[in-house]
C-alpha atoms as a PDB file:
ATOM      1  CA  UNK A   1      21.820  10.176  -9.483  1.00  0.00           C
ATOM      2  CA  UNK A   2      18.346   8.587  -9.523  1.00  0.00           C
ATOM      3  CA  UNK A   3      16.634   8.039  -6.190  1.00  0.00           C
ATOM      4  CA  UNK A   4      16.206   4.351  -5.247  1.00  0.00           C
ATOM      5  CA  UNK A   5      12.587   3.243  -5.161  1.00  0.00           C
ATOM      6  CA  UNK A   6      11.511   1.483  -1.991  1.00  0.00           C
ATOM      7  CA  UNK A   7       9.565  -1.761  -2.342  1.00  0.00           C
ATOM      8  CA  UNK A   8       7.190  -2.701   0.459  1.00  0.00           C
ATOM      9  CA  UNK A   9       5.824  -6.226   0.299  1.00  0.00           C
ATOM     10  CA  UNK A  10       2.816  -7.230   2.403  1.00  0.00           C
ATOM     11  CA  UNK A  11       3.888 -10.099   4.636  1.00  0.00           C
ATOM     12  CA  UNK A  12       0.642 -10.760   6.503  1.00  0.00           C
ATOM     13  CA  UNK A  13      -2.991  -9.630   6.408  1.00  0.00           C
ATOM     14  CA  UNK A  14      -5.010  -9.898   9.611  1.00  0.00           C
ATOM     15  CA  UNK A  15      -8.414 -11.615   9.437  1.00  0.00           C
ATOM     16  CA  UNK A  16     -11.201  -9.027   9.546  1.00  0.00           C
ATOM     17  CA  UNK A  17      -8.841  -6.129   8.823  1.00  0.00           C
ATOM     18  CA  UNK A  18      -9.463  -3.281   6.395  1.00  0.00           C
ATOM     19  CA  UNK A  19      -6.638  -4.676   4.254  1.00  0.00           C
ATOM     20  CA  UNK A  20      -8.466  -8.001   3.973  1.00  0.00           C
ATOM     21  CA  UNK A  21     -11.729  -6.210   3.099  1.00  0.00           C
ATOM     22  CA  UNK A  22      -9.879  -4.317   0.348  1.00  0.00           C
ATOM     23  CA  UNK A  23      -8.527  -7.561  -1.131  1.00  0.00           C
ATOM     24  CA  UNK A  24      -4.905  -7.054  -0.147  1.00  0.00           C
ATOM     25  CA  UNK A  25      -3.001 -10.331   0.115  1.00  0.00           C
ATOM     26  CA  UNK A  26       0.433 -11.420   1.350  1.00  0.00           C
ATOM     27  CA  UNK A  27       2.941 -10.880  -1.454  1.00  0.00           C
ATOM     28  CA  UNK A  28       1.209  -7.731  -2.756  1.00  0.00           C
ATOM     29  CA  UNK A  29       3.423  -4.663  -3.008  1.00  0.00           C
ATOM     30  CA  UNK A  30       2.454  -1.240  -1.664  1.00  0.00           C
ATOM     31  CA  UNK A  31       3.503   1.253  -4.359  1.00  0.00           C
ATOM     32  CA  UNK A  32       2.046   4.495  -2.981  1.00  0.00           C
ATOM     33  CA  UNK A  33      -0.493   6.084  -0.665  1.00  0.00           C
ATOM     34  CA  UNK A  34      -2.430   9.076  -2.027  1.00  0.00           C
ATOM     35  CA  UNK A  35       0.146   9.372  -4.796  1.00  0.00           C
ATOM     36  CA  UNK A  36       3.090   9.544  -2.384  1.00  0.00           C
ATOM     37  CA  UNK A  37       5.877   6.971  -2.557  1.00  0.00           C
ATOM     38  CA  UNK A  38       6.404   5.411   0.853  1.00  0.00           C
ATOM     39  CA  UNK A  39       9.988   5.423   2.114  1.00  0.00           C
ATOM     40  CA  UNK A  40       9.494   4.147   5.655  1.00  0.00           C
ATOM     41  CA  UNK A  41       6.980   3.324   8.380  1.00  0.00           C
ATOM     42  CA  UNK A  42       6.731   7.006   9.321  1.00  0.00           C
ATOM     43  CA  UNK A  43       5.474   7.894   5.807  1.00  0.00           C
ATOM     44  CA  UNK A  44       3.023   4.991   5.977  1.00  0.00           C
ATOM     45  CA  UNK A  45       1.582   6.080   9.321  1.00  0.00           C
ATOM     46  CA  UNK A  46       1.382   9.741   8.253  1.00  0.00           C
ATOM     47  CA  UNK A  47      -0.474   9.138   4.978  1.00  0.00           C
ATOM     48  CA  UNK A  48      -2.793   6.494   6.456  1.00  0.00           C
ATOM     49  CA  UNK A  49      -4.181   9.203   8.768  1.00  0.00           C
ATOM     50  CA  UNK A  50      -5.807  11.043   5.836  1.00  0.00           C
ATOM     51  CA  UNK A  51      -9.601  10.917   5.670  1.00  0.00           C
ATOM     52  CA  UNK A  52      -9.498   9.513   2.118  1.00  0.00           C
ATOM     53  CA  UNK A  53      -6.796   6.931   1.446  1.00  0.00           C
ATOM     54  CA  UNK A  54      -5.964   5.697  -2.059  1.00  0.00           C
ATOM     55  CA  UNK A  55      -3.518   2.797  -2.126  1.00  0.00           C
ATOM     56  CA  UNK A  56      -1.692   1.746  -5.268  1.00  0.00           C
ATOM     57  CA  UNK A  57      -1.108  -1.990  -4.898  1.00  0.00           C
ATOM     58  CA  UNK A  58       0.804  -4.255  -7.263  1.00  0.00           C
ATOM     59  CA  UNK A  59      -0.408  -7.855  -7.280  1.00  0.00           C
ATOM     60  CA  UNK A  60       1.926 -10.828  -7.749  1.00  0.00           C
ATOM     61  CA  UNK A  61       1.041 -10.997 -11.469  1.00  0.00           C
ATOM     62  CA  UNK A  62       2.119  -7.355 -11.971  1.00  0.00           C
ATOM     63  CA  UNK A  63      -1.422  -5.942 -12.161  1.00  0.00           C
ATOM     64  CA  UNK A  64      -1.701  -2.582 -10.387  1.00  0.00           C
ATOM     65  CA  UNK A  65      -4.880  -1.679  -8.530  1.00  0.00           C
ATOM     66  CA  UNK A  66      -6.014   1.578  -6.933  1.00  0.00           C
ATOM     67  CA  UNK A  67      -7.886   0.767  -3.742  1.00  0.00           C
ATOM     68  CA  UNK A  68      -9.859   3.461  -1.936  1.00  0.00           C
ATOM     69  CA  UNK A  69     -10.690   3.593   1.753  1.00  0.00           C
ATOM     70  CA  UNK A  70     -12.818   6.354   3.274  1.00  0.00           C
END
């Protein structure tokens, strides 16, 4: 049986946040962090602690972007 992929949609981006600086917008989907699929908030918090963070974001039009934060 194939594992179900989790979809995480950005609901809100705070003004002045790193997400806003990176160009993340409400409606974008978070596909992975550092190549790891995110299953829950615990995965998110764990991988966001890395020194180098690479987010794979899918925009509303289906375009996928790799965004890097150091």
